[in-house]
Amino acid sequence: MPPFALQRQEIDGLVAYVRAGFDRSGTAVKLGDAGRGRTIYSGKGACVTCHRVNGTGSTTGPDLSDVGALRSRSEEHTSE
């Protein structure tokens, strides 16, 4: 995936959209579905070509192994 030159507002909007749990067609998706994430990571999303997760994938982009753990900790703090 090529780098993007996004403004802060655009990034915030993208993050909000992803966290809302909808796919590109507007269909609600289950958040935190590890199987779906693996399918996207190694399939159509082609994330594996640049990123590594738990030792699988390329080292070109940032390692994403801790992304789920970081999000979980963040959500724990916001729910208190």
C-alpha atoms as a PDB file:
ATOM      1  CA  MET A   1       0.000   0.000   0.000  1.00  0.00           C
ATOM      2  CA  PRO A   2       1.518   3.353  -0.932  1.00  0.00           C
ATOM      3  CA  PRO A   3       1.863   6.077   1.705  1.00  0.00           C
ATOM      4  CA  PHE A   4      -0.921   8.627   1.920  1.00  0.00           C
ATOM      5  CA  ALA A   5      -0.634  12.365   2.498  1.00  0.00           C
ATOM      6  CA  LEU A   6      -3.716  12.844   4.666  1.00  0.00           C
ATOM      7  CA  GLN A   7      -4.620  15.854   6.770  1.00  0.00           C
ATOM      8  CA  ARG A   8      -5.281  15.325  10.502  1.00  0.00           C
ATOM      9  CA  GLN A   9      -9.065  15.718   9.965  1.00  0.00           C
ATOM     10  CA  GLU A  10      -9.023  13.086   7.237  1.00  0.00           C
ATOM     11  CA  ILE A  11      -7.142  10.650   9.475  1.00  0.00           C
ATOM     12  CA  ASP A  12      -9.576  11.274  12.337  1.00  0.00           C
ATOM     13  CA  GLY A  13     -12.498  10.642   9.983  1.00  0.00           C
ATOM     14  CA  LEU A  14     -10.941   7.435   8.684  1.00  0.00           C
ATOM     15  CA  VAL A  15     -10.295   6.148  12.209  1.00  0.00           C
ATOM     16  CA  ALA A  16     -13.863   6.996  13.250  1.00  0.00           C
ATOM     17  CA  TYR A  17     -15.217   5.149  10.222  1.00  0.00           C
ATOM     18  CA  VAL A  18     -13.153   2.040  10.930  1.00  0.00           C
ATOM     19  CA  ARG A  19     -14.101   2.047  14.604  1.00  0.00           C
ATOM     20  CA  ALA A  20     -17.785   2.407  13.690  1.00  0.00           C
ATOM     21  CA  GLY A  21     -17.603  -1.124  12.278  1.00  0.00           C
ATOM     22  CA  PHE A  22     -18.855  -0.854   8.700  1.00  0.00           C
ATOM     23  CA  ASP A  23     -17.367  -2.237   5.518  1.00  0.00           C
ATOM     24  CA  ARG A  24     -17.137  -0.289   2.248  1.00  0.00           C
ATOM     25  CA  SER A  25     -20.721  -1.150   1.299  1.00  0.00           C
ATOM     26  CA  GLY A  26     -22.046   0.226   4.590  1.00  0.00           C
ATOM     27  CA  THR A  27     -22.791  -3.212   6.040  1.00  0.00           C
ATOM     28  CA  ALA A  28     -22.142  -3.533   9.766  1.00  0.00           C
ATOM     29  CA  VAL A  29     -19.294  -5.884  10.630  1.00  0.00           C
ATOM     30  CA  LYS A  30     -18.357  -7.539  13.875  1.00  0.00           C
ATOM     31  CA  LEU A  31     -15.499  -5.614  15.474  1.00  0.00           C
ATOM     32  CA  GLY A  32     -12.621  -7.649  16.783  1.00  0.00           C
ATOM     33  CA  ASP A  33     -13.172 -10.637  14.505  1.00  0.00           C
ATOM     34  CA  ALA A  34      -9.684 -12.182  14.415  1.00  0.00           C
ATOM     35  CA  GLY A  35     -10.516 -14.581  11.582  1.00  0.00           C
ATOM     36  CA  ARG A  36     -11.803 -11.771   9.386  1.00  0.00           C
ATOM     37  CA  GLY A  37      -8.722  -9.722  10.220  1.00  0.00           C
ATOM     38  CA  ARG A  38      -6.416 -12.578   9.194  1.00  0.00           C
ATOM     39  CA  THR A  39      -8.321 -12.970   5.932  1.00  0.00           C
ATOM     40  CA  ILE A  40      -8.008  -9.268   5.090  1.00  0.00           C
ATOM     41  CA  TYR A  41      -4.368  -9.102   6.263  1.00  0.00           C
ATOM     42  CA  SER A  42      -3.171 -11.949   4.064  1.00  0.00           C
ATOM     43  CA  GLY A  43      -5.798 -11.724   1.307  1.00  0.00           C
ATOM     44  CA  LYS A  44      -7.458  -8.803  -0.425  1.00  0.00           C
ATOM     45  CA  GLY A  45      -5.956  -6.184   1.915  1.00  0.00           C
ATOM     46  CA  ALA A  46      -2.453  -7.437   1.066  1.00  0.00           C
ATOM     47  CA  CYS A  47      -1.180  -6.003   4.372  1.00  0.00           C
ATOM     48  CA  VAL A  48       1.209  -8.961   4.625  1.00  0.00           C
ATOM     49  CA  THR A  49       3.240  -7.576   1.710  1.00  0.00           C
ATOM     50  CA  CYS A  50       4.498  -4.692   3.883  1.00  0.00           C
ATOM     51  CA  HIS A  51       3.610  -5.473   7.513  1.00  0.00           C
ATOM     52  CA  ARG A  52       4.431  -8.252   9.958  1.00  0.00           C
ATOM     53  CA  VAL A  53       2.099  -9.711  12.591  1.00  0.00           C
ATOM     54  CA  ASN A  54       3.419 -12.247  15.097  1.00  0.00           C
ATOM     55  CA  GLY A  55       6.350 -13.173  12.861  1.00  0.00           C
ATOM     56  CA  THR A  56       4.371 -13.488   9.620  1.00  0.00           C
ATOM     57  CA  GLY A  57       4.810 -11.021   6.775  1.00  0.00           C
ATOM     58  CA  SER A  58       7.241  -8.427   5.537  1.00  0.00           C
ATOM     59  CA  THR A  59       9.423  -6.060   7.527  1.00  0.00           C
ATOM     60  CA  THR A  60       9.007  -3.152   5.084  1.00  0.00           C
ATOM     61  CA  GLY A  61       6.247  -1.460   7.108  1.00  0.00           C
ATOM     62  CA  PRO A  62       5.684  -1.239  10.870  1.00  0.00           C
ATOM     63  CA  ASP A  63       5.120  -4.440  12.859  1.00  0.00           C
ATOM     64  CA  LEU A  64       1.422  -4.672  13.716  1.00  0.00           C
ATOM     65  CA  SER A  65       1.655  -7.471  16.299  1.00  0.00           C
ATOM     66  CA  ASP A  66       0.636  -5.283  19.237  1.00  0.00           C
ATOM     67  CA  VAL A  67      -2.132  -3.278  17.551  1.00  0.00           C
ATOM     68  CA  GLY A  68      -4.973  -5.353  19.011  1.00  0.00           C
ATOM     69  CA  ALA A  69      -3.413  -5.343  22.484  1.00  0.00           C
ATOM     70  CA  LEU A  70      -2.905  -1.582  22.384  1.00  0.00           C
ATOM     71  CA  ARG A  71      -6.473  -0.985  21.295  1.00  0.00           C
ATOM     72  CA  SER A  72      -7.797  -3.241  24.064  1.00  0.00           C
ATOM     73  CA  ARG A  73      -5.830  -1.373  26.723  1.00  0.00           C
ATOM     74  CA  SER A  74      -7.016   1.958  25.298  1.00  0.00           C
ATOM     75  CA  GLU A  75     -10.648   0.840  25.373  1.00  0.00           C
ATOM     76  CA  GLU A  76     -10.276  -0.352  28.985  1.00  0.00           C
ATOM     77  CA  HIS A  77      -9.171   3.135  30.034  1.00  0.00           C
ATOM     78  CA  THR A  78     -11.988   4.894  28.179  1.00  0.00           C
ATOM     79  CA  SER A  79     -14.655   2.626  29.665  1.00  0.00           C
ATOM     80  CA  GLU A  80     -13.731   3.397  33.283  1.00  0.00           C
END
